[in-house]
Amino acid sequence: MISTIKKLTIATSLGLMASSAMAGYDFNVGDDGKLSFGGYLKVDARYVNGDVGYRDFWIGTGTPLEESASQFRIFANESRFNTKYVHGDVMGFIEMDFLGGGGNQVVSNSAHPRLRHAFIKYKDLTVGQTWTTFMNTSAIPETADFAGATVGLAFVRQGQIRYDIGGFQVSIENPESHGGDTANDDLPDVVARYNFKGDWGNVSISALGRQLNTLGGNSETAFGGSIAGRINTFGKDDLRFQFHQGEVGRYVGLGVTPDLIGEEVETTTSYLAAYRHYWTDTLRSTFLYGRIETDESDADRSQWSVNLFQNLTPALAVGIEVGNFALDDQNVDSNYAQFSMRYAL
């Protein structure tokens, strides 16, 4: 039976917007069980002007326009809910949001829910769908734009089997020869990562190995590496950074390039730097810049932004952000301004 209910202390930071949202309420179940519910409600008002077509949030690609255009929208699709059940050494977690598409702006603005995370953790073993081991979620900057400067991020959720040994993690993950012959993807992707942690922050070093299958019937090996982290600087300030290089393909940049261009494996260089400064205990800004360049497809994309967030209460924050997203290889770009209000459950 549910014996006690308590509300957890809500973190004042929006820092891990794109990671699994914090659990907001705990219910004790029996002598050794706990059920948690959490998530957040987020409302965004977004204005985009320029010759890259409007999106609710920038990804690594975009639609060049023949003439500059402006668009404004208000939406709440990033809102999410999660449930976690812990019983002894076993934990199960599931999370959904409403970025799955659909919607009717004429009448109802309905949006499809989508599965974000669904995994089981037993001691040091994690099985299910969650963030790739290649990705350091603490290095994601605090932004109004979903995840911010995605061109510089490692950003993939997928099925995996992962084992943690102290600071070392190793996993086999779902393969996908993006741009190739997925019907012959018979070997999992392999990721190894080591995490360095301390009062100073954290840094992770990751390595990725894959077999990719081309449309021409060939198999190619692909390797890539990443270093990412969050470093505490002065007071509550922090520096977040990511650098990815190699044949990382779909793991980086949210759609900038597939893994394969014809019969060739794509090579990518991607980086992101973001500095968050606290003006007061509850007022802070993040300044960021991200860029990605590829060899085979000659893609060159960049994004910068600056924002200001204020907590009105420990659970309620508002913010304004301005920035620019550019398809530098096509000589087009758009400016954007976004207001966000986020209430942590």
C-alpha atoms as a PDB file:
ATOM      1  CA  MET A   1       0.000   0.000   0.000  1.00  0.00           C
ATOM      2  CA  ILE A   2       0.998   3.572  -0.499  1.00  0.00           C
ATOM      3  CA  SER A   3       2.071   4.712   2.954  1.00  0.00           C
ATOM      4  CA  THR A   4       3.529   8.184   2.578  1.00  0.00           C
ATOM      5  CA  ILE A   5       3.632  10.939  -0.002  1.00  0.00           C
ATOM      6  CA  LYS A   6       6.222  13.617  -0.167  1.00  0.00           C
ATOM      7  CA  LYS A   7       7.177  16.244  -2.664  1.00  0.00           C
ATOM      8  CA  LEU A   8      10.824  16.409  -3.618  1.00  0.00           C
ATOM      9  CA  THR A   9      12.769  19.675  -3.552  1.00  0.00           C
ATOM     10  CA  ILE A  10      12.722  21.102  -7.078  1.00  0.00           C
ATOM     11  CA  ALA A  11      16.073  22.163  -8.513  1.00  0.00           C
ATOM     12  CA  THR A  12      16.214  25.840  -9.389  1.00  0.00           C
ATOM     13  CA  SER A  13      18.180  25.215 -12.559  1.00  0.00           C
ATOM     14  CA  LEU A  14      16.859  24.380 -16.012  1.00  0.00           C
ATOM     15  CA  GLY A  15      20.261  22.928 -16.785  1.00  0.00           C
ATOM     16  CA  LEU A  16      19.277  19.471 -18.061  1.00  0.00           C
ATOM     17  CA  MET A  17      16.286  20.448 -20.172  1.00  0.00           C
ATOM     18  CA  ALA A  18      16.863  17.691 -22.665  1.00  0.00           C
ATOM     19  CA  SER A  19      17.788  14.932 -20.228  1.00  0.00           C
ATOM     20  CA  SER A  20      15.308  12.780 -18.358  1.00  0.00           C
ATOM     21  CA  ALA A  21      13.200  15.189 -16.345  1.00  0.00           C
ATOM     22  CA  MET A  22      13.445  15.041 -12.567  1.00  0.00           C
ATOM     23  CA  ALA A  23      10.869  13.049 -10.618  1.00  0.00           C
ATOM     24  CA  GLY A  24       8.625  15.462  -8.725  1.00  0.00           C
ATOM     25  CA  TYR A  25       6.582  13.257  -6.378  1.00  0.00           C
ATOM     26  CA  ASP A  26       7.429  10.037  -4.527  1.00  0.00           C
ATOM     27  CA  PHE A  27       5.039   7.386  -3.245  1.00  0.00           C
ATOM     28  CA  ASN A  28       6.422   4.723  -0.917  1.00  0.00           C
ATOM     29  CA  VAL A  29       5.083   1.318  -1.954  1.00  0.00           C
ATOM     30  CA  GLY A  30       5.483  -1.408   0.633  1.00  0.00           C
ATOM     31  CA  ASP A  31       8.696  -1.827   2.602  1.00  0.00           C
ATOM     32  CA  ASP A  32      11.155  -1.662  -0.283  1.00  0.00           C
ATOM     33  CA  GLY A  33       9.444   0.098  -3.169  1.00  0.00           C
ATOM     34  CA  LYS A  34       9.006   3.646  -4.413  1.00  0.00           C
ATOM     35  CA  LEU A  35       6.914   5.021  -7.262  1.00  0.00           C
ATOM     36  CA  SER A  36       7.838   8.464  -8.630  1.00  0.00           C
ATOM     37  CA  PHE A  37       6.042  10.828 -10.990  1.00  0.00           C
ATOM     38  CA  GLY A  38       7.707  13.839 -12.556  1.00  0.00           C
ATOM     39  CA  GLY A  39       8.282  15.970 -15.604  1.00  0.00           C
ATOM     40  CA  TYR A  40       7.540  19.561 -16.497  1.00  0.00           C
ATOM     41  CA  LEU A  41       5.154  21.827 -18.403  1.00  0.00           C
ATOM     42  CA  LYS A  42       6.859  24.163 -20.876  1.00  0.00           C
ATOM     43  CA  VAL A  43       5.222  26.860 -22.991  1.00  0.00           C
ATOM     44  CA  ASP A  44       7.170  28.610 -25.773  1.00  0.00           C
ATOM     45  CA  ALA A  45       6.480  31.683 -27.890  1.00  0.00           C
ATOM     46  CA  ARG A  46       8.861  31.709 -30.865  1.00  0.00           C
ATOM     47  CA  TYR A  47       9.558  34.174 -33.677  1.00  0.00           C
ATOM     48  CA  VAL A  48      11.808  33.328 -36.634  1.00  0.00           C
ATOM     49  CA  ASN A  49      12.899  35.668 -39.432  1.00  0.00           C
ATOM     50  CA  GLY A  50      15.260  34.903 -42.298  1.00  0.00           C
ATOM     51  CA  ASP A  51      15.856  32.632 -45.276  1.00  0.00           C
ATOM     52  CA  VAL A  52      15.934  29.330 -43.394  1.00  0.00           C
ATOM     53  CA  GLY A  53      12.377  28.012 -42.938  1.00  0.00           C
ATOM     54  CA  TYR A  54      10.712  28.122 -39.518  1.00  0.00           C
ATOM     55  CA  ARG A  55      11.083  25.213 -37.087  1.00  0.00           C
ATOM     56  CA  ASP A  56       9.860  24.920 -33.482  1.00  0.00           C
ATOM     57  CA  PHE A  57      13.494  24.150 -32.608  1.00  0.00           C
ATOM     58  CA  TRP A  58      16.607  24.029 -34.766  1.00  0.00           C
ATOM     59  CA  ILE A  59      18.120  20.740 -35.845  1.00  0.00           C
ATOM     60  CA  GLY A  60      21.176  20.175 -38.017  1.00  0.00           C
ATOM     61  CA  THR A  61      19.367  20.805 -41.275  1.00  0.00           C
ATOM     62  CA  GLY A  62      16.799  23.269 -42.579  1.00  0.00           C
ATOM     63  CA  THR A  63      14.835  24.483 -45.593  1.00  0.00           C
ATOM     64  CA  PRO A  64      16.445  27.326 -47.570  1.00  0.00           C
ATOM     65  CA  LEU A  65      13.911  29.917 -48.735  1.00  0.00           C
ATOM     66  CA  GLU A  66      14.026  31.909 -51.955  1.00  0.00           C
ATOM     67  CA  GLU A  67      12.852  34.975 -50.049  1.00  0.00           C
ATOM     68  CA  SER A  68      13.117  35.920 -46.395  1.00  0.00           C
ATOM     69  CA  ALA A  69      10.047  35.072 -44.323  1.00  0.00           C
ATOM     70  CA  SER A  70       8.797  35.595 -40.752  1.00  0.00           C
ATOM     71  CA  GLN A  71       6.712  33.281 -38.579  1.00  0.00           C
ATOM     72  CA  PHE A  72       5.417  33.309 -34.988  1.00  0.00           C
ATOM     73  CA  ARG A  73       4.040  30.390 -32.949  1.00  0.00           C
ATOM     74  CA  ILE A  74       2.991  29.547 -29.379  1.00  0.00           C
ATOM     75  CA  PHE A  75       3.213  25.867 -28.393  1.00  0.00           C
ATOM     76  CA  ALA A  76       3.597  23.513 -25.422  1.00  0.00           C
ATOM     77  CA  ASN A  77       4.772  20.334 -27.155  1.00  0.00           C
ATOM     78  CA  GLU A  78       8.003  19.968 -25.194  1.00  0.00           C
ATOM     79  CA  SER A  79       6.040  19.281 -21.980  1.00  0.00           C
ATOM     80  CA  ARG A  80       6.838  15.817 -20.636  1.00  0.00           C
ATOM     81  CA  PHE A  81       5.870  13.283 -17.995  1.00  0.00           C
ATOM     82  CA  ASN A  82       7.753  10.371 -16.506  1.00  0.00           C
ATOM     83  CA  THR A  83       7.236   7.512 -14.096  1.00  0.00           C
ATOM     84  CA  LYS A  84       9.912   5.615 -12.175  1.00  0.00           C
ATOM     85  CA  TYR A  85       9.454   2.510 -10.061  1.00  0.00           C
ATOM     86  CA  VAL A  86      12.227   1.339  -7.729  1.00  0.00           C
ATOM     87  CA  HIS A  87      12.093  -1.951  -5.855  1.00  0.00           C
ATOM     88  CA  GLY A  88      15.328  -2.970  -4.165  1.00  0.00           C
ATOM     89  CA  ASP A  89      18.065  -3.148  -6.795  1.00  0.00           C
ATOM     90  CA  VAL A  90      15.638  -2.879  -9.720  1.00  0.00           C
ATOM     91  CA  MET A  91      14.485   0.387 -11.309  1.00  0.00           C
ATOM     92  CA  GLY A  92      12.132   0.915 -14.250  1.00  0.00           C
ATOM     93  CA  PHE A  93      11.742   4.297 -15.978  1.00  0.00           C
ATOM     94  CA  ILE A  94       9.431   5.521 -18.734  1.00  0.00           C
ATOM     95  CA  GLU A  95       9.017   9.032 -20.156  1.00  0.00           C
ATOM     96  CA  MET A  96       6.968  10.677 -22.899  1.00  0.00           C
ATOM     97  CA  ASP A  97       6.566  14.121 -24.434  1.00  0.00           C
ATOM     98  CA  PHE A  98       4.453  15.608 -27.247  1.00  0.00           C
ATOM     99  CA  LEU A  99       7.011  16.232 -29.979  1.00  0.00           C
ATOM    100  CA  GLY A 100       5.759  13.240 -31.968  1.00  0.00           C
ATOM    101  CA  GLY A 101       4.082  15.296 -34.682  1.00  0.00           C
ATOM    102  CA  GLY A 102       0.478  15.848 -35.603  1.00  0.00           C
ATOM    103  CA  GLY A 103      -1.418  18.927 -34.526  1.00  0.00           C
ATOM    104  CA  ASN A 104      -4.111  21.076 -36.081  1.00  0.00           C
ATOM    105  CA  GLN A 105      -3.472  24.793 -35.693  1.00  0.00           C
ATOM    106  CA  VAL A 106      -6.881  25.584 -37.193  1.00  0.00           C
ATOM    107  CA  VAL A 107      -8.872  24.041 -34.343  1.00  0.00           C
ATOM    108  CA  SER A 108      -7.412  21.797 -31.654  1.00  0.00           C
ATOM    109  CA  ASN A 109      -3.582  21.885 -31.817  1.00  0.00           C
ATOM    110  CA  SER A 110      -3.551  18.188 -30.914  1.00  0.00           C
ATOM    111  CA  ALA A 111      -0.074  16.645 -30.821  1.00  0.00           C
ATOM    112  CA  HIS A 112       0.945  12.994 -30.749  1.00  0.00           C
ATOM    113  CA  PRO A 113       2.704  11.692 -27.632  1.00  0.00           C
ATOM    114  CA  ARG A 114       6.003   9.875 -28.217  1.00  0.00           C
ATOM    115  CA  LEU A 115       8.191   7.519 -26.244  1.00  0.00           C
ATOM    116  CA  ARG A 116      11.427   9.133 -25.016  1.00  0.00           C
ATOM    117  CA  HIS A 117      12.822   6.669 -22.483  1.00  0.00           C
ATOM    118  CA  ALA A 118      11.817   3.153 -21.457  1.00  0.00           C
ATOM    119  CA  PHE A 119      14.476   1.155 -19.637  1.00  0.00           C
ATOM    120  CA  ILE A 120      15.164  -1.234 -16.762  1.00  0.00           C
ATOM    121  CA  LYS A 121      18.197  -0.868 -14.495  1.00  0.00           C
ATOM    122  CA  TYR A 122      19.450  -3.677 -12.269  1.00  0.00           C
ATOM    123  CA  LYS A 123      22.491  -2.731 -10.199  1.00  0.00           C
ATOM    124  CA  ASP A 124      25.095  -1.746 -12.848  1.00  0.00           C
ATOM    125  CA  LEU A 125      23.153  -3.110 -15.841  1.00  0.00           C
ATOM    126  CA  THR A 126      20.839  -0.901 -17.954  1.00  0.00           C
ATOM    127  CA  VAL A 127      18.607  -2.381 -20.671  1.00  0.00           C
ATOM    128  CA  GLY A 128      16.134  -0.512 -22.875  1.00  0.00           C
ATOM    129  CA  GLN A 129      15.762   2.783 -24.708  1.00  0.00           C
ATOM    130  CA  THR A 130      17.585   5.819 -23.342  1.00  0.00           C
ATOM    131  CA  TRP A 131      20.414   8.225 -24.191  1.00  0.00           C
ATOM    132  CA  THR A 132      23.303   6.648 -26.056  1.00  0.00           C
ATOM    133  CA  THR A 133      26.356   6.017 -23.895  1.00  0.00           C
ATOM    134  CA  PHE A 134      28.268   8.205 -26.384  1.00  0.00           C
ATOM    135  CA  MET A 135      26.396  11.241 -25.032  1.00  0.00           C
ATOM    136  CA  ASN A 136      27.183  13.324 -21.928  1.00  0.00           C
ATOM    137  CA  THR A 137      23.866  14.940 -20.947  1.00  0.00           C
ATOM    138  CA  SER A 138      25.496  17.249 -18.381  1.00  0.00           C
ATOM    139  CA  ALA A 139      27.207  19.036 -21.297  1.00  0.00           C
ATOM    140  CA  ILE A 140      23.866  20.163 -22.784  1.00  0.00           C
ATOM    141  CA  PRO A 141      23.481  23.920 -22.260  1.00  0.00           C
ATOM    142  CA  GLU A 142      20.502  25.650 -20.669  1.00  0.00           C
ATOM    143  CA  THR A 143      18.453  27.114 -23.517  1.00  0.00           C
ATOM    144  CA  ALA A 144      14.903  28.046 -24.509  1.00  0.00           C
ATOM    145  CA  ASP A 145      15.444  26.454 -27.929  1.00  0.00           C
ATOM    146  CA  PHE A 146      15.089  22.709 -27.334  1.00  0.00           C
ATOM    147  CA  ALA A 147      18.573  21.310 -26.491  1.00  0.00           C
ATOM    148  CA  GLY A 148      20.269  24.362 -28.018  1.00  0.00           C
ATOM    149  CA  ALA A 149      22.928  24.379 -30.781  1.00  0.00           C
ATOM    150  CA  THR A 150      22.097  20.812 -31.786  1.00  0.00           C
ATOM    151  CA  VAL A 151      24.723  21.049 -34.537  1.00  0.00           C
ATOM    152  CA  GLY A 152      27.335  20.678 -31.801  1.00  0.00           C
ATOM    153  CA  LEU A 153      25.638  17.959 -29.767  1.00  0.00           C
ATOM    154  CA  ALA A 154      25.858  14.215 -29.575  1.00  0.00           C
ATOM    155  CA  PHE A 155      22.128  13.521 -29.336  1.00  0.00           C
ATOM    156  CA  VAL A 156      20.638  10.039 -29.833  1.00  0.00           C
ATOM    157  CA  ARG A 157      18.163   7.909 -27.880  1.00  0.00           C
ATOM    158  CA  GLN A 158      18.044   4.222 -28.783  1.00  0.00           C
ATOM    159  CA  GLY A 159      17.813   0.667 -27.530  1.00  0.00           C
ATOM    160  CA  GLN A 160      20.919  -0.607 -25.762  1.00  0.00           C
ATOM    161  CA  ILE A 161      22.461  -2.917 -23.192  1.00  0.00           C
ATOM    162  CA  ARG A 162      24.931  -1.039 -20.984  1.00  0.00           C
ATOM    163  CA  TYR A 163      27.157  -2.059 -18.081  1.00  0.00           C
ATOM    164  CA  ASP A 164      28.785   0.376 -15.659  1.00  0.00           C
ATOM    165  CA  ILE A 165      32.009  -0.412 -13.809  1.00  0.00           C
ATOM    166  CA  GLY A 166      32.896   2.559 -11.632  1.00  0.00           C
ATOM    167  CA  GLY A 167      33.597   5.433 -14.012  1.00  0.00           C
ATOM    168  CA  PHE A 168      33.762   3.101 -17.032  1.00  0.00           C
ATOM    169  CA  GLN A 169      30.718   2.339 -19.206  1.00  0.00           C
ATOM    170  CA  VAL A 170      30.434  -0.043 -22.140  1.00  0.00           C
ATOM    171  CA  SER A 171      27.355  -0.730 -24.242  1.00  0.00           C
ATOM    172  CA  ILE A 172      26.049  -2.437 -27.338  1.00  0.00           C
ATOM    173  CA  GLU A 173      23.424  -0.290 -29.047  1.00  0.00           C
ATOM    174  CA  ASN A 174      20.920  -0.400 -31.865  1.00  0.00           C
ATOM    175  CA  PRO A 175      22.638  -0.246 -35.290  1.00  0.00           C
ATOM    176  CA  GLU A 176      21.404   1.875 -38.186  1.00  0.00           C
ATOM    177  CA  SER A 177      23.239   2.424 -41.472  1.00  0.00           C
ATOM    178  CA  HIS A 178      21.623   5.788 -42.132  1.00  0.00           C
ATOM    179  CA  GLY A 179      21.893   6.377 -45.867  1.00  0.00           C
ATOM    180  CA  GLY A 180      22.765   2.730 -46.494  1.00  0.00           C
ATOM    181  CA  ASP A 181      21.256  -0.762 -46.450  1.00  0.00           C
ATOM    182  CA  THR A 182      19.652  -1.145 -43.020  1.00  0.00           C
ATOM    183  CA  ALA A 183      18.335  -4.635 -43.900  1.00  0.00           C
ATOM    184  CA  ASN A 184      21.857  -5.998 -43.331  1.00  0.00           C
ATOM    185  CA  ASP A 185      22.589  -4.263 -40.015  1.00  0.00           C
ATOM    186  CA  ASP A 186      23.398  -7.461 -38.119  1.00  0.00           C
ATOM    187  CA  LEU A 187      26.049  -6.179 -35.658  1.00  0.00           C
ATOM    188  CA  PRO A 188      25.315  -3.736 -32.818  1.00  0.00           C
ATOM    189  CA  ASP A 189      27.116  -0.424 -32.409  1.00  0.00           C
ATOM    190  CA  VAL A 190      29.683  -0.539 -29.585  1.00  0.00           C
ATOM    191  CA  VAL A 191      30.336   2.417 -27.280  1.00  0.00           C
ATOM    192  CA  ALA A 192      32.938   2.733 -24.517  1.00  0.00           C
ATOM    193  CA  ARG A 193      33.127   5.740 -22.212  1.00  0.00           C
ATOM    194  CA  TYR A 194      35.069   6.850 -19.149  1.00  0.00           C
ATOM    195  CA  ASN A 195      33.819   9.555 -16.784  1.00  0.00           C
ATOM    196  CA  PHE A 196      36.051  11.753 -14.643  1.00  0.00           C
ATOM    197  CA  LYS A 197      34.131  13.446 -11.810  1.00  0.00           C
ATOM    198  CA  GLY A 198      34.899  15.716  -8.884  1.00  0.00           C
ATOM    199  CA  ASP A 199      33.918  18.919  -7.117  1.00  0.00           C
ATOM    200  CA  TRP A 200      35.259  20.709 -10.198  1.00  0.00           C
ATOM    201  CA  GLY A 201      32.628  19.119 -12.471  1.00  0.00           C
ATOM    202  CA  ASN A 202      32.960  16.234 -14.921  1.00  0.00           C
ATOM    203  CA  VAL A 203      34.565  15.244 -18.222  1.00  0.00           C
ATOM    204  CA  SER A 204      33.765  12.183 -20.323  1.00  0.00           C
ATOM    205  CA  ILE A 205      35.795  10.534 -23.076  1.00  0.00           C
ATOM    206  CA  SER A 206      33.850   8.294 -25.459  1.00  0.00           C
ATOM    207  CA  ALA A 207      34.700   5.990 -28.353  1.00  0.00           C
ATOM    208  CA  LEU A 208      32.289   4.613 -30.954  1.00  0.00           C
ATOM    209  CA  GLY A 209      32.707   1.620 -33.275  1.00  0.00           C
ATOM    210  CA  ARG A 210      30.208   0.485 -35.928  1.00  0.00           C
ATOM    211  CA  GLN A 211      29.698  -1.636 -39.008  1.00  0.00           C
ATOM    212  CA  LEU A 212      27.838   0.228 -41.775  1.00  0.00           C
ATOM    213  CA  ASN A 213      26.285  -1.405 -44.835  1.00  0.00           C
ATOM    214  CA  THR A 214      26.173   0.488 -48.123  1.00  0.00           C
ATOM    215  CA  LEU A 215      23.474   0.345 -50.777  1.00  0.00           C
ATOM    216  CA  GLY A 216      26.070  -1.243 -53.062  1.00  0.00           C
ATOM    217  CA  GLY A 217      26.389  -4.274 -50.792  1.00  0.00           C
ATOM    218  CA  ASN A 218      29.649  -3.358 -49.064  1.00  0.00           C
ATOM    219  CA  SER A 219      30.348  -3.321 -45.328  1.00  0.00           C
ATOM    220  CA  GLU A 220      32.417  -0.486 -43.888  1.00  0.00           C
ATOM    221  CA  THR A 221      33.801   0.004 -40.387  1.00  0.00           C
ATOM    222  CA  ALA A 222      33.333   3.393 -38.742  1.00  0.00           C
ATOM    223  CA  PHE A 223      35.057   4.853 -35.699  1.00  0.00           C
ATOM    224  CA  GLY A 224      34.630   8.120 -33.842  1.00  0.00           C
ATOM    225  CA  GLY A 225      35.481   9.829 -30.588  1.00  0.00           C
ATOM    226  CA  SER A 226      34.106  12.472 -28.262  1.00  0.00           C
ATOM    227  CA  ILE A 227      35.156  14.550 -25.283  1.00  0.00           C
ATOM    228  CA  ALA A 228      32.511  16.487 -23.375  1.00  0.00           C
ATOM    229  CA  GLY A 229      31.886  17.912 -19.947  1.00  0.00           C
ATOM    230  CA  ARG A 230      30.763  20.596 -17.550  1.00  0.00           C
ATOM    231  CA  ILE A 231      33.393  22.522 -15.587  1.00  0.00           C
ATOM    232  CA  ASN A 232      32.504  24.626 -12.552  1.00  0.00           C
ATOM    233  CA  THR A 233      34.195  28.032 -12.766  1.00  0.00           C
ATOM    234  CA  PHE A 234      33.369  30.990 -10.492  1.00  0.00           C
ATOM    235  CA  GLY A 235      30.553  30.869  -7.940  1.00  0.00           C
ATOM    236  CA  LYS A 236      27.632  29.028  -9.576  1.00  0.00           C
ATOM    237  CA  ASP A 237      28.937  29.585 -13.115  1.00  0.00           C
ATOM    238  CA  ASP A 238      29.886  26.719 -15.404  1.00  0.00           C
ATOM    239  CA  LEU A 239      31.421  25.995 -18.792  1.00  0.00           C
ATOM    240  CA  ARG A 240      29.894  23.237 -20.916  1.00  0.00           C
ATOM    241  CA  PHE A 241      31.647  21.863 -23.964  1.00  0.00           C
ATOM    242  CA  GLN A 242      31.568  19.050 -26.506  1.00  0.00           C
ATOM    243  CA  PHE A 243      33.941  18.016 -29.275  1.00  0.00           C
ATOM    244  CA  HIS A 244      33.215  15.112 -31.644  1.00  0.00           C
ATOM    245  CA  GLN A 245      35.367  13.890 -34.488  1.00  0.00           C
ATOM    246  CA  GLY A 246      35.450  10.945 -36.847  1.00  0.00           C
ATOM    247  CA  GLU A 247      32.868   8.759 -38.533  1.00  0.00           C
ATOM    248  CA  VAL A 248      30.158   9.636 -36.005  1.00  0.00           C
ATOM    249  CA  GLY A 249      27.372  10.213 -38.575  1.00  0.00           C
ATOM    250  CA  ARG A 250      23.871  10.149 -37.093  1.00  0.00           C
ATOM    251  CA  TYR A 251      25.185  10.325 -33.519  1.00  0.00           C
ATOM    252  CA  VAL A 252      25.962  14.033 -33.862  1.00  0.00           C
ATOM    253  CA  GLY A 253      24.151  17.078 -35.202  1.00  0.00           C
ATOM    254  CA  LEU A 254      20.512  15.922 -35.426  1.00  0.00           C
ATOM    255  CA  GLY A 255      20.249  15.221 -39.132  1.00  0.00           C
ATOM    256  CA  VAL A 256      23.164  17.203 -40.547  1.00  0.00           C
ATOM    257  CA  THR A 257      24.377  14.173 -42.502  1.00  0.00           C
ATOM    258  CA  PRO A 258      23.691  10.442 -42.856  1.00  0.00           C
ATOM    259  CA  ASP A 259      26.328   7.860 -41.964  1.00  0.00           C
ATOM    260  CA  LEU A 260      26.939   7.050 -45.614  1.00  0.00           C
ATOM    261  CA  ILE A 261      27.178   9.256 -48.686  1.00  0.00           C
ATOM    262  CA  GLY A 262      26.872   6.793 -51.541  1.00  0.00           C
ATOM    263  CA  GLU A 263      29.523   4.160 -50.856  1.00  0.00           C
ATOM    264  CA  GLU A 264      31.637   6.437 -48.630  1.00  0.00           C
ATOM    265  CA  VAL A 265      31.522   6.789 -44.830  1.00  0.00           C
ATOM    266  CA  GLU A 266      30.986  10.397 -43.753  1.00  0.00           C
ATOM    267  CA  THR A 267      33.590  12.111 -41.559  1.00  0.00           C
ATOM    268  CA  THR A 268      32.409  14.811 -39.173  1.00  0.00           C
ATOM    269  CA  THR A 269      33.941  17.460 -36.935  1.00  0.00           C
ATOM    270  CA  SER A 270      31.573  19.061 -34.440  1.00  0.00           C
ATOM    271  CA  TYR A 271      31.969  21.268 -31.386  1.00  0.00           C
ATOM    272  CA  LEU A 272      29.972  23.302 -28.866  1.00  0.00           C
ATOM    273  CA  ALA A 273      30.938  25.735 -26.119  1.00  0.00           C
ATOM    274  CA  ALA A 274      28.489  27.313 -23.663  1.00  0.00           C
ATOM    275  CA  TYR A 275      29.142  29.502 -20.647  1.00  0.00           C
ATOM    276  CA  ARG A 276      26.432  30.008 -17.999  1.00  0.00           C
ATOM    277  CA  HIS A 277      26.763  33.016 -15.707  1.00  0.00           C
ATOM    278  CA  TYR A 278      24.632  33.668 -12.604  1.00  0.00           C
ATOM    279  CA  TRP A 279      23.850  37.363 -12.169  1.00  0.00           C
ATOM    280  CA  THR A 280      22.045  36.568  -8.899  1.00  0.00           C
ATOM    281  CA  ASP A 281      21.059  33.326  -7.172  1.00  0.00           C
ATOM    282  CA  THR A 282      18.053  32.969  -9.495  1.00  0.00           C
ATOM    283  CA  LEU A 283      18.946  35.083 -12.566  1.00  0.00           C
ATOM    284  CA  ARG A 284      21.369  33.630 -15.108  1.00  0.00           C
ATOM    285  CA  SER A 285      22.428  33.732 -18.762  1.00  0.00           C
ATOM    286  CA  THR A 286      23.983  31.233 -21.156  1.00  0.00           C
ATOM    287  CA  PHE A 287      26.131  32.271 -24.108  1.00  0.00           C
ATOM    288  CA  LEU A 288      26.746  29.489 -26.643  1.00  0.00           C
ATOM    289  CA  TYR A 289      28.184  28.694 -30.046  1.00  0.00           C
ATOM    290  CA  GLY A 290      28.084  25.420 -31.953  1.00  0.00           C
ATOM    291  CA  ARG A 291      29.330  24.306 -35.363  1.00  0.00           C
ATOM    292  CA  ILE A 292      29.563  21.165 -37.481  1.00  0.00           C
ATOM    293  CA  GLU A 293      31.444  20.414 -40.692  1.00  0.00           C
ATOM    294  CA  THR A 294      31.446  17.242 -42.798  1.00  0.00           C
ATOM    295  CA  ASP A 295      33.804  15.951 -45.492  1.00  0.00           C
ATOM    296  CA  GLU A 296      31.762  13.943 -47.995  1.00  0.00           C
ATOM    297  CA  SER A 297      28.610  16.088 -48.077  1.00  0.00           C
ATOM    298  CA  ASP A 298      30.481  19.367 -47.408  1.00  0.00           C
ATOM    299  CA  ALA A 299      27.881  20.427 -44.839  1.00  0.00           C
ATOM    300  CA  ASP A 300      28.715  23.463 -42.703  1.00  0.00           C
ATOM    301  CA  ARG A 301      26.145  24.520 -40.078  1.00  0.00           C
ATOM    302  CA  SER A 302      26.338  26.818 -37.057  1.00  0.00           C
ATOM    303  CA  GLN A 303      24.211  28.306 -34.284  1.00  0.00           C
ATOM    304  CA  TRP A 304      24.745  30.906 -31.576  1.00  0.00           C
ATOM    305  CA  SER A 305      22.446  32.240 -28.881  1.00  0.00           C
ATOM    306  CA  VAL A 306      22.291  34.240 -25.662  1.00  0.00           C
ATOM    307  CA  ASN A 307      19.522  34.054 -23.079  1.00  0.00           C
ATOM    308  CA  LEU A 308      18.302  35.251 -19.703  1.00  0.00           C
ATOM    309  CA  PHE A 309      16.395  33.011 -17.251  1.00  0.00           C
ATOM    310  CA  GLN A 310      14.779  33.941 -13.960  1.00  0.00           C
ATOM    311  CA  ASN A 311      13.188  31.653 -11.375  1.00  0.00           C
ATOM    312  CA  LEU A 312       9.954  33.230 -10.153  1.00  0.00           C
ATOM    313  CA  THR A 313       9.578  30.371  -7.659  1.00  0.00           C
ATOM    314  CA  PRO A 314      11.825  27.333  -7.068  1.00  0.00           C
ATOM    315  CA  ALA A 315       9.681  25.379  -9.567  1.00  0.00           C
ATOM    316  CA  LEU A 316       8.732  28.117 -12.071  1.00  0.00           C
ATOM    317  CA  ALA A 317      11.213  29.766 -14.441  1.00  0.00           C
ATOM    318  CA  VAL A 318      10.815  32.200 -17.318  1.00  0.00           C
ATOM    319  CA  GLY A 319      13.338  33.110 -19.963  1.00  0.00           C
ATOM    320  CA  ILE A 320      14.025  34.994 -23.173  1.00  0.00           C
ATOM    321  CA  GLU A 321      16.537  33.944 -25.826  1.00  0.00           C
ATOM    322  CA  VAL A 322      17.810  35.400 -29.093  1.00  0.00           C
ATOM    323  CA  GLY A 323      20.092  33.734 -31.593  1.00  0.00           C
ATOM    324  CA  ASN A 324      20.906  32.719 -35.132  1.00  0.00           C
ATOM    325  CA  PHE A 325      20.948  29.444 -37.080  1.00  0.00           C
ATOM    326  CA  ALA A 326      22.921  29.267 -40.332  1.00  0.00           C
ATOM    327  CA  LEU A 327      23.316  26.832 -43.217  1.00  0.00           C
ATOM    328  CA  ASP A 328      26.741  28.261 -43.964  1.00  0.00           C
ATOM    329  CA  ASP A 329      27.319  25.898 -46.882  1.00  0.00           C
ATOM    330  CA  GLN A 330      24.205  27.351 -48.573  1.00  0.00           C
ATOM    331  CA  ASN A 331      24.749  30.957 -47.462  1.00  0.00           C
ATOM    332  CA  VAL A 332      21.371  31.259 -45.716  1.00  0.00           C
ATOM    333  CA  ASP A 333      20.469  31.928 -42.077  1.00  0.00           C
ATOM    334  CA  SER A 334      17.609  32.926 -39.774  1.00  0.00           C
ATOM    335  CA  ASN A 335      17.430  34.906 -36.548  1.00  0.00           C
ATOM    336  CA  TYR A 336      15.065  33.873 -33.789  1.00  0.00           C
ATOM    337  CA  ALA A 337      13.654  35.130 -30.507  1.00  0.00           C
ATOM    338  CA  GLN A 338      11.924  32.870 -27.989  1.00  0.00           C
ATOM    339  CA  PHE A 339      10.116  33.331 -24.690  1.00  0.00           C
ATOM    340  CA  SER A 340       9.728  30.256 -22.462  1.00  0.00           C
ATOM    341  CA  MET A 341       7.944  29.476 -19.216  1.00  0.00           C
ATOM    342  CA  ARG A 342       8.711  26.156 -17.519  1.00  0.00           C
ATOM    343  CA  TYR A 343       7.020  24.648 -14.474  1.00  0.00           C
ATOM    344  CA  ALA A 344       8.726  21.621 -12.917  1.00  0.00           C
ATOM    345  CA  LEU A 345       6.294  19.072 -11.545  1.00  0.00           C
END
